[in-house]
Protein backbone atom coordinates (compact mmCIF):
# COMPACT_ATOMS: atom_id res chain seq x y z
CA MET A 1 62.39 53.79 93.19
CA LYS A 2 62.72 51.54 90.15
CA HIS A 3 60.62 52.14 87.07
CA ALA A 4 59.61 49.43 84.61
CA VAL A 5 59.81 50.90 81.13
CA LYS A 6 58.80 49.06 77.97
CA VAL A 7 61.13 49.79 75.06
CA THR A 8 61.50 48.35 71.59
CA ILE A 9 64.91 47.64 70.13
CA VAL A 10 65.05 46.19 66.61
CA ASP A 11 61.40 45.11 66.79
CA GLU A 12 61.88 43.31 70.10
CA GLU A 13 59.96 44.62 73.09
CA LEU A 14 61.89 44.67 76.36
CA THR A 15 61.09 45.80 79.87
CA VAL A 16 63.90 47.77 81.44
CA ARG A 17 63.87 48.23 85.20
CA SER A 18 65.87 51.23 86.29
CA GLU A 19 65.98 54.06 88.80
CA LEU A 20 66.54 56.45 85.91
CA ASP A 21 63.82 58.71 84.55
CA PRO A 22 61.59 56.66 82.21
CA GLU A 23 61.90 59.19 79.38
CA TYR A 24 65.69 59.04 79.65
CA THR A 25 65.54 55.23 79.49
CA ARG A 26 63.44 55.49 76.33
CA GLN A 27 65.95 57.89 74.78
CA VAL A 28 68.82 55.53 75.57
CA ALA A 29 66.91 52.59 74.09
CA SER A 30 66.13 54.66 71.00
CA HIS A 31 69.83 55.47 70.59
CA VAL A 32 70.73 51.78 70.83
CA ASP A 33 67.96 50.87 68.38
CA ALA A 34 69.18 53.46 65.88
CA ALA A 35 72.79 52.28 66.20
CA ILE A 36 71.83 48.65 65.54
CA ARG A 37 69.62 49.66 62.62
CA ARG A 38 72.50 51.64 61.07
CA VAL A 39 74.66 48.51 61.22
CA LEU A 40 71.88 46.38 59.74
CA ALA A 41 71.22 48.97 57.02
CA SER A 42 74.82 48.69 55.86
CA GLY A 43 73.76 45.36 54.38
CA GLN A 44 76.86 43.52 55.51
CA ILE A 45 75.48 42.00 58.72
CA VAL A 46 72.36 39.87 58.86
CA GLU A 47 72.65 38.32 62.31
CA SER A 48 71.15 40.64 64.90
CA HIS A 49 73.54 39.65 67.70
CA LYS A 50 76.53 40.59 65.52
CA ALA A 51 74.85 43.86 64.60
CA ALA A 52 74.29 44.54 68.31
CA ILE A 53 77.98 43.93 69.04
CA LEU A 54 79.07 46.27 66.24
CA ALA A 55 76.56 48.88 67.43
CA ALA A 56 77.93 48.55 70.98
CA LEU A 57 81.43 49.15 69.62
CA ALA A 58 80.23 52.25 67.75
CA ILE A 59 78.47 53.62 70.85
CA THR A 60 81.54 52.93 72.99
CA ASP A 61 83.67 54.77 70.44
CA GLU A 62 81.29 57.75 70.72
CA LEU A 63 81.65 57.62 74.51
CA PHE A 64 85.46 57.44 74.41
CA GLN A 65 85.66 60.34 71.94
CA ALA A 66 83.34 62.45 74.11
CA LYS A 67 85.45 61.69 77.20
CA ARG A 68 88.63 62.60 75.33
CA GLN A 69 87.09 65.89 74.19
CA GLN A 70 85.96 66.62 77.75
CA GLN A 71 89.47 65.93 79.08
CA ASP A 72 91.01 68.14 76.39
CA LEU A 73 88.58 70.95 77.21
CA ALA A 74 89.25 70.63 80.95
CA ALA A 75 93.00 70.81 80.30
CA ARG A 76 92.58 73.91 78.12
CA LEU A 77 90.39 75.58 80.75
CA LYS A 78 92.95 74.80 83.46
CA GLN A 79 95.70 76.30 81.28
CA MET A 80 93.61 79.40 80.61
CA ALA A 81 92.82 79.80 84.33
CA GLY A 82 96.55 79.63 85.08
CA ASP A 83 97.29 82.18 82.38
CA LEU A 84 94.62 84.52 83.75
CA ALA A 85 95.81 84.05 87.33
CA ARG A 86 99.30 85.25 86.32
CA LEU A 87 97.72 88.52 85.16
CA LEU A 88 96.27 89.21 88.60
CA PRO A 89 98.09 91.23 91.24
CA PRO A 90 100.09 88.99 93.64
CA GLN A 91 97.68 89.45 96.57
CA LYS A 92 94.75 88.24 94.41
CA ARG A 93 96.74 85.21 93.22
CA GLN A 94 97.29 84.17 96.82
CA SER A 95 93.58 84.34 97.62
CA LEU A 96 92.87 82.05 94.64
CA ALA A 97 95.28 79.43 95.98
CA LEU A 98 93.26 79.13 99.21
């Protein structure tokens, strides 16, 4: 079921239609609003569409860094699981492989 959620981003009211939880949609919109406002507050950009593009780049950078950290953590956990498996008796290691 789609929800229609009114959000405000940089003083512009928008209606977002989404199957996501309305509160989550508001949080996402708030994050976008804050990112654009940070760009605008830097004083270098006046045009809102350019500020939105720079904010999108900043948010995408956050996403890519989070994905990289998640991949690094998954690799470390896999390595640790392998290290721990080598400490188990051989019969237990075989049951883990199944």
